[in-house]
Amino acid sequence: MADESAWRAAARRWFLAHGVEANLAEDLTLETTQLATLSSLPPCAGTIPPRTQRSTMLDKIIATFCILDDLLHILHHRNDPQAKITDSEILTIAILACQEFGGNMRKALQWVEALHLFSFVPSESRFNRRLHCLMPLLHTLAPPLRAVWEALQTCTDYALDTFPMPVCENIRANRCRIAPEKAFRGYRASHRDYFHGVKVHLLVASGGFIVEFWLTPGSWHDLTGLYGMALDIPRGCALMMDRGYTDYVAEDLLREVEGLEVYPVRRENSVRYEGGRQYLAVVKRRFVESVGSCLHRLLPRRVHAVTLDGFMLKLMCFVYAHNFNLLHKVAS
């Protein structure tokens, strides 16, 4: 750490002596200041990422904060006049923790405080209380954030899928304090095993953007997500559904009332099984599998939470982290 700081300072003196552009010298000065600040942090704050990775992270933070702040202004959201940090900054730190630190809010707070990104950084306990108060606001932000994505990408295909998320290991299900009820005991057909947790129902657009999401206990059937979600899809678009969403009445209503082209994946012994439509349904819904892989990449091995509300709140932040990663990728 000390060698890198000395090298930065020497490079800055050389650039200034040879009359190089001032912005490059200022960049090196900022780098030296950040290195000196981060060197004084405790070991739990982690190592400093490379310069390219750090600049990418800063770009993501700036883009996330600007979008959130503008959306909150559009929704006429007002901050508490006594608060030292705005709600958009709280949400930005939470999404940063899910994007880069596996949902570890403590590391995200230390990283933001070390780089002086915001004028005030609250304590960890105060940050958690503020974030829990903003849980209803996360549901309100989904429609305007979807409008931002649709302004960048044209979406014609949508897919509905379930993403099981265990709260704990099966062997600890009987003494689980976060979700002790048996309603959270579900079955994963793809893995052919049981899990203890929640189901995340996702409505994903063709570009991988999560348009809608809903959380249910693990034992609830997949059709609960089909009945409970709004499914705000434009007329004429295609909707791909998995085998768990088989309901002929709901399919007919989606075709006749909503004007959607429904492509459900069926079993071969189903009454409405058609080989051609099955091929289209399987091929067209592949993008939703990549969304599951992206979420697995962001999620840690186990999501740390003390309460069920905190567990669901972190899952929602991971969904927003995935969407903001897509927005940053498309915009850049």
Protein backbone atom coordinates (compact mmCIF):
# COMPACT_ATOMS: atom_id res chain seq x y z
CA MET A 1 0.00 0.00 0.00
CA ALA A 2 2.76 2.42 0.93
CA ASP A 3 4.77 1.58 -2.22
CA GLU A 4 1.76 2.25 -4.44
CA SER A 5 1.07 5.57 -2.70
CA ALA A 6 4.70 6.62 -3.15
CA TRP A 7 4.59 5.64 -6.81
CA ARG A 8 1.43 7.70 -7.34
CA ALA A 9 3.00 10.73 -5.68
CA ALA A 10 6.19 10.40 -7.77
CA ALA A 11 4.18 10.06 -10.98
CA ARG A 12 2.17 13.16 -10.10
CA ARG A 13 5.37 15.19 -9.56
CA TRP A 14 6.73 13.99 -12.91
CA PHE A 15 3.53 14.92 -14.76
CA LEU A 16 3.45 18.36 -13.19
CA ALA A 17 7.14 18.95 -13.97
CA HIS A 18 6.72 18.07 -17.65
CA GLY A 19 3.56 20.12 -18.14
CA VAL A 20 1.10 17.33 -18.75
CA GLU A 21 -2.63 18.10 -18.74
CA ALA A 22 -3.96 19.26 -15.41
CA ASN A 23 -6.88 16.85 -15.35
CA LEU A 24 -4.50 13.88 -15.41
CA ALA A 25 -2.51 15.34 -12.53
CA GLU A 26 -5.73 15.95 -10.60
CA ASP A 27 -6.75 12.35 -11.24
CA LEU A 28 -3.50 11.12 -9.77
CA THR A 29 -3.91 13.46 -6.81
CA LEU A 30 -7.37 12.00 -6.17
CA GLU A 31 -6.01 8.48 -6.51
CA THR A 32 -3.25 9.23 -3.98
CA THR A 33 -5.75 10.69 -1.50
CA GLN A 34 -8.06 7.70 -1.83
CA LEU A 35 -5.18 5.25 -1.36
CA ALA A 36 -3.98 7.06 1.75
CA THR A 37 -7.52 7.07 3.16
CA LEU A 38 -8.18 3.42 2.43
CA SER A 39 -4.84 2.37 3.93
CA SER A 40 -6.06 3.55 7.34
CA LEU A 41 -9.22 1.42 7.25
CA PRO A 42 -9.55 -1.75 9.33
CA PRO A 43 -8.91 -5.11 7.62
CA CYS A 44 -12.62 -5.86 7.40
CA ALA A 45 -13.01 -3.15 4.75
CA GLY A 46 -11.23 -5.36 2.22
CA THR A 47 -8.58 -4.64 -0.35
CA ILE A 48 -8.62 -1.82 -2.86
CA PRO A 49 -9.86 -2.91 -6.29
CA PRO A 50 -7.78 -2.08 -9.39
CA ARG A 51 -8.13 1.33 -10.97
CA THR A 52 -10.25 0.16 -13.89
CA GLN A 53 -12.59 -1.77 -11.60
CA ARG A 54 -12.80 1.17 -9.21
CA SER A 55 -13.68 3.59 -12.02
CA THR A 56 -16.37 1.18 -13.25
CA MET A 57 -17.81 0.99 -9.75
CA LEU A 58 -17.85 4.77 -9.48
CA ASP A 59 -19.63 5.04 -12.84
CA LYS A 60 -22.27 2.56 -11.63
CA ILE A 61 -22.77 4.46 -8.39
CA ILE A 62 -23.18 7.79 -10.17
CA ALA A 63 -25.62 6.34 -12.74
CA THR A 64 -27.62 4.53 -10.05
CA PHE A 65 -27.87 7.61 -7.84
CA CYS A 66 -28.91 9.91 -10.71
CA ILE A 67 -31.63 7.53 -11.91
CA LEU A 68 -32.99 6.93 -8.41
CA ASP A 69 -32.95 10.61 -7.51
CA ASP A 70 -34.78 11.58 -10.72
CA LEU A 71 -37.38 8.84 -10.27
CA LEU A 72 -38.06 9.90 -6.68
CA HIS A 73 -38.56 13.47 -7.88
CA ILE A 74 -41.01 12.23 -10.52
CA LEU A 75 -42.92 10.31 -7.85
CA HIS A 76 -43.03 13.51 -5.73
CA HIS A 77 -41.23 11.74 -2.90
CA ARG A 78 -40.12 14.03 -0.09
CA ASN A 79 -37.21 13.40 2.25
CA ASP A 80 -37.40 14.06 5.95
CA PRO A 81 -36.08 17.60 6.50
CA GLN A 82 -34.17 16.41 9.59
CA ALA A 83 -32.39 13.58 7.76
CA LYS A 84 -28.70 14.11 6.99
CA ILE A 85 -28.75 11.64 4.09
CA THR A 86 -31.44 11.40 1.41
CA ASP A 87 -33.48 8.32 0.58
CA SER A 88 -31.90 8.09 -2.88
CA GLU A 89 -28.46 7.86 -1.25
CA ILE A 90 -29.68 5.10 1.10
CA LEU A 91 -31.02 3.08 -1.84
CA THR A 92 -27.83 3.69 -3.82
CA ILE A 93 -25.67 2.26 -1.03
CA ALA A 94 -27.97 -0.77 -0.68
CA ILE A 95 -27.83 -1.50 -4.42
CA LEU A 96 -24.04 -0.99 -4.41
CA ALA A 97 -23.75 -3.60 -1.63
CA CYS A 98 -25.68 -6.11 -3.75
CA GLN A 99 -23.73 -5.31 -6.92
CA GLU A 100 -20.19 -5.48 -5.57
CA PHE A 101 -20.17 -6.88 -2.00
CA GLY A 102 -22.64 -9.77 -2.05
CA GLY A 103 -25.23 -7.86 -0.04
CA ASN A 104 -22.80 -6.92 2.76
CA MET A 105 -24.06 -3.49 3.81
CA ARG A 106 -21.18 -2.93 6.23
CA LYS A 107 -18.55 -3.20 3.51
CA ALA A 108 -20.55 -0.91 1.23
CA LEU A 109 -20.81 1.73 3.96
CA GLN A 110 -17.08 1.55 4.65
CA TRP A 111 -16.28 1.81 0.95
CA VAL A 112 -18.56 4.82 0.45
CA GLU A 113 -17.17 6.54 3.55
CA ALA A 114 -13.57 5.90 2.49
CA LEU A 115 -14.05 7.50 -0.93
CA HIS A 116 -16.19 10.39 0.44
CA LEU A 117 -18.93 9.74 -2.12
CA PHE A 118 -21.64 11.32 0.02
CA SER A 119 -21.50 14.18 2.47
CA PHE A 120 -22.75 12.02 5.34
CA VAL A 121 -22.63 8.24 5.87
CA PRO A 122 -24.83 6.88 8.69
CA SER A 123 -23.94 4.09 11.06
CA GLU A 124 -24.81 0.53 10.15
CA SER A 125 -27.77 0.30 12.54
CA ARG A 126 -29.20 3.63 11.42
CA PHE A 127 -28.74 2.66 7.79
CA ASN A 128 -30.64 -0.60 8.31
CA ARG A 129 -33.54 1.20 9.99
CA ARG A 130 -33.74 3.73 7.15
CA LEU A 131 -33.60 0.98 4.53
CA HIS A 132 -36.41 -1.01 6.19
CA CYS A 133 -38.59 2.10 6.15
CA LEU A 134 -38.03 2.37 2.38
CA MET A 135 -39.26 -1.16 1.64
CA PRO A 136 -42.67 0.01 0.26
CA LEU A 137 -40.85 2.53 -1.91
CA LEU A 138 -39.02 -0.28 -3.73
CA HIS A 139 -42.34 -1.59 -5.03
CA THR A 140 -43.29 1.90 -6.20
CA LEU A 141 -40.02 2.35 -8.10
CA ALA A 142 -40.54 -0.71 -10.32
CA PRO A 143 -42.93 0.83 -12.94
CA PRO A 144 -40.93 4.06 -13.59
CA LEU A 145 -37.67 2.07 -13.73
CA ARG A 146 -39.30 -0.18 -16.30
CA ALA A 147 -40.16 2.91 -18.36
CA VAL A 148 -36.47 3.86 -18.35
CA TRP A 149 -35.56 0.42 -19.71
CA GLU A 150 -38.25 0.48 -22.38
CA ALA A 151 -36.95 3.87 -23.56
CA LEU A 152 -33.58 2.18 -24.23
CA GLN A 153 -34.71 -1.24 -25.47
CA THR A 154 -37.73 -2.49 -27.42
CA CYS A 155 -39.35 -5.44 -25.63
CA THR A 156 -41.58 -7.84 -27.56
CA ASP A 157 -41.07 -11.10 -25.64
CA TYR A 158 -41.66 -11.75 -21.94
CA ALA A 159 -41.10 -14.83 -19.81
CA LEU A 160 -42.55 -15.86 -16.46
CA ASP A 161 -40.44 -18.09 -14.23
CA THR A 162 -39.89 -19.02 -10.58
CA PHE A 163 -36.60 -18.61 -8.75
CA PRO A 164 -36.46 -20.59 -5.46
CA MET A 165 -34.36 -18.96 -2.73
CA PRO A 166 -33.61 -21.03 0.39
CA VAL A 167 -33.40 -19.30 3.76
CA CYS A 168 -31.26 -22.01 5.36
CA GLU A 169 -30.09 -25.58 4.84
CA ASN A 170 -32.65 -28.37 5.00
CA ILE A 171 -31.06 -29.83 8.12
CA ARG A 172 -31.63 -26.54 9.95
CA ALA A 173 -35.24 -26.06 8.83
CA ASN A 174 -36.74 -27.25 12.13
CA ARG A 175 -34.86 -24.60 14.14
CA CYS A 176 -34.93 -21.78 11.58
CA ARG A 177 -35.86 -18.51 13.30
CA ILE A 178 -36.32 -16.40 10.17
CA ALA A 179 -39.06 -18.56 8.64
CA PRO A 180 -40.17 -21.23 11.14
CA GLU A 181 -43.52 -21.99 9.46
CA LYS A 182 -43.98 -25.13 7.38
CA ALA A 183 -45.41 -23.01 4.56
CA PHE A 184 -41.83 -22.15 3.55
CA ARG A 185 -41.01 -25.82 2.90
CA GLY A 186 -41.05 -26.14 -0.89
CA TYR A 187 -40.01 -28.53 -3.64
CA ARG A 188 -37.64 -27.82 -6.54
CA ALA A 189 -38.60 -29.97 -9.51
CA SER A 190 -35.46 -29.08 -11.49
CA HIS A 191 -33.16 -30.25 -8.65
CA ARG A 192 -35.56 -32.94 -7.40
CA ASP A 193 -35.10 -31.88 -3.80
CA TYR A 194 -36.77 -29.82 -1.10
CA PHE A 195 -35.78 -26.39 0.12
CA HIS A 196 -36.79 -24.14 3.01
CA GLY A 197 -37.31 -20.57 1.85
CA VAL A 198 -39.27 -18.40 -0.54
CA LYS A 199 -40.12 -18.39 -4.23
CA VAL A 200 -39.27 -15.36 -6.32
CA HIS A 201 -41.66 -15.05 -9.26
CA LEU A 202 -40.04 -13.07 -12.07
CA LEU A 203 -41.54 -11.49 -15.18
CA VAL A 204 -38.52 -10.89 -17.42
CA ALA A 205 -38.35 -8.91 -20.65
CA SER A 206 -36.43 -10.14 -23.68
CA GLY A 207 -33.32 -8.12 -22.85
CA GLY A 208 -33.05 -9.71 -19.40
CA PHE A 209 -34.68 -6.85 -17.47
CA ILE A 210 -36.86 -7.95 -14.54
CA VAL A 211 -40.14 -6.12 -15.13
CA GLU A 212 -42.13 -7.49 -12.18
CA PHE A 213 -41.34 -9.68 -9.20
CA TRP A 214 -43.31 -11.20 -6.37
CA LEU A 215 -42.26 -13.19 -3.29
CA THR A 216 -44.29 -16.13 -1.93
CA PRO A 217 -43.58 -18.93 0.58
CA GLY A 218 -41.83 -21.96 -0.84
CA SER A 219 -44.80 -24.33 -0.55
CA TRP A 220 -47.15 -22.15 -2.59
CA HIS A 221 -47.83 -23.28 -6.15
CA ASP A 222 -46.33 -21.45 -9.11
CA LEU A 223 -49.81 -20.51 -10.29
CA THR A 224 -50.02 -18.16 -7.30
CA GLY A 225 -47.51 -15.92 -9.04
CA LEU A 226 -49.57 -16.03 -12.24
CA TYR A 227 -52.72 -15.02 -10.36
CA GLY A 228 -51.09 -12.46 -8.06
CA MET A 229 -48.83 -10.53 -10.42
CA ALA A 230 -50.15 -7.62 -12.44
CA LEU A 231 -48.61 -8.85 -15.74
CA ASP A 232 -48.61 -5.41 -17.32
CA ILE A 233 -47.61 -6.51 -20.83
CA PRO A 234 -48.45 -4.59 -24.04
CA ARG A 235 -50.93 -6.17 -26.43
CA GLY A 236 -49.45 -8.30 -29.17
CA CYS A 237 -46.39 -9.38 -27.18
CA ALA A 238 -45.42 -12.98 -26.51
CA LEU A 239 -45.47 -14.51 -23.02
CA MET A 240 -43.51 -17.70 -22.35
CA MET A 241 -44.43 -19.73 -19.26
CA ASP A 242 -42.94 -22.77 -17.57
CA ARG A 243 -44.72 -26.08 -16.88
CA GLY A 244 -45.66 -24.92 -13.39
CA TYR A 245 -47.94 -22.20 -14.81
CA THR A 246 -50.25 -24.56 -16.70
CA ASP A 247 -53.81 -23.25 -16.46
CA TYR A 248 -56.03 -23.41 -19.54
CA VAL A 249 -58.54 -20.84 -18.24
CA ALA A 250 -55.81 -18.29 -17.48
CA GLU A 251 -54.22 -18.88 -20.87
CA ASP A 252 -57.50 -18.26 -22.68
CA LEU A 253 -58.06 -15.05 -20.69
CA LEU A 254 -54.58 -13.79 -21.52
CA ARG A 255 -55.18 -14.43 -25.23
CA GLU A 256 -58.71 -13.06 -25.50
CA VAL A 257 -58.71 -10.21 -22.97
CA GLU A 258 -55.09 -9.08 -22.86
CA GLY A 259 -54.27 -9.88 -26.49
CA LEU A 260 -51.07 -11.80 -25.70
CA GLU A 261 -49.43 -14.65 -27.57
CA VAL A 262 -49.02 -17.30 -24.85
CA TYR A 263 -46.36 -20.00 -25.29
CA PRO A 264 -46.54 -22.38 -22.31
CA VAL A 265 -44.13 -25.27 -21.93
CA ARG A 266 -46.24 -28.43 -21.58
CA ARG A 267 -45.76 -32.09 -20.94
CA GLU A 268 -46.14 -34.47 -23.85
CA ASN A 269 -49.29 -36.03 -22.38
CA SER A 270 -51.06 -32.66 -22.08
CA VAL A 271 -54.35 -32.06 -23.89
CA ARG A 272 -53.09 -28.91 -25.67
CA TYR A 273 -49.63 -30.18 -26.51
CA GLU A 274 -48.35 -28.89 -29.89
CA GLY A 275 -44.88 -29.75 -31.07
CA GLY A 276 -44.22 -26.53 -33.00
CA ARG A 277 -45.32 -24.21 -30.24
CA GLN A 278 -43.32 -26.25 -27.73
CA TYR A 279 -40.16 -25.66 -29.72
CA LEU A 280 -40.83 -21.91 -29.86
CA ALA A 281 -41.62 -21.80 -26.14
CA VAL A 282 -38.40 -23.57 -25.18
CA VAL A 283 -36.19 -21.54 -27.52
CA LYS A 284 -37.73 -18.14 -26.81
CA ARG A 285 -37.59 -18.43 -23.03
CA ARG A 286 -33.84 -19.06 -22.84
CA PHE A 287 -33.15 -15.47 -21.84
CA VAL A 288 -34.93 -16.01 -18.53
CA GLU A 289 -32.44 -18.77 -17.67
CA SER A 290 -29.58 -16.32 -18.16
CA VAL A 291 -31.30 -13.95 -15.70
CA GLY A 292 -31.24 -16.70 -13.09
CA SER A 293 -27.52 -17.16 -13.71
CA CYS A 294 -26.92 -13.41 -13.29
CA LEU A 295 -28.79 -13.41 -9.99
CA HIS A 296 -26.81 -16.44 -8.80
CA ARG A 297 -23.63 -14.55 -9.65
CA LEU A 298 -24.69 -11.59 -7.52
CA LEU A 299 -26.03 -13.62 -4.61
CA PRO A 300 -23.67 -14.93 -1.92
CA ARG A 301 -23.73 -18.53 -0.82
CA ARG A 302 -26.13 -17.59 1.98
CA VAL A 303 -28.03 -14.33 2.32
CA HIS A 304 -27.42 -13.00 5.81
CA ALA A 305 -30.57 -11.67 7.49
CA VAL A 306 -32.03 -11.56 10.99
CA THR A 307 -35.73 -11.25 10.13
CA LEU A 308 -37.92 -12.40 7.27
CA ASP A 309 -38.54 -8.79 6.21
CA GLY A 310 -34.81 -8.21 6.06
CA PHE A 311 -34.35 -11.35 3.95
CA MET A 312 -37.02 -10.26 1.47
CA LEU A 313 -35.64 -6.73 1.44
CA LYS A 314 -32.22 -8.02 0.42
CA LEU A 315 -33.75 -10.14 -2.34
CA MET A 316 -35.50 -7.06 -3.68
CA CYS A 317 -32.21 -5.13 -3.60
CA PHE A 318 -30.53 -7.92 -5.57
CA VAL A 319 -33.27 -7.68 -8.21
CA TYR A 320 -32.70 -3.93 -8.49
CA ALA A 321 -28.93 -4.48 -8.59
CA HIS A 322 -29.39 -6.77 -11.60
CA ASN A 323 -31.61 -4.22 -13.36
CA PHE A 324 -29.19 -1.36 -12.76
CA ASN A 325 -26.32 -3.49 -14.07
CA LEU A 326 -28.29 -3.94 -17.30
CA LEU A 327 -29.08 -0.23 -17.51
CA HIS A 328 -25.42 0.66 -17.05
CA LYS A 329 -24.37 -1.93 -19.65
CA VAL A 330 -26.85 -0.71 -22.26
CA ALA A 331 -26.22 2.98 -21.64
CA SER A 332 -22.45 2.58 -21.83
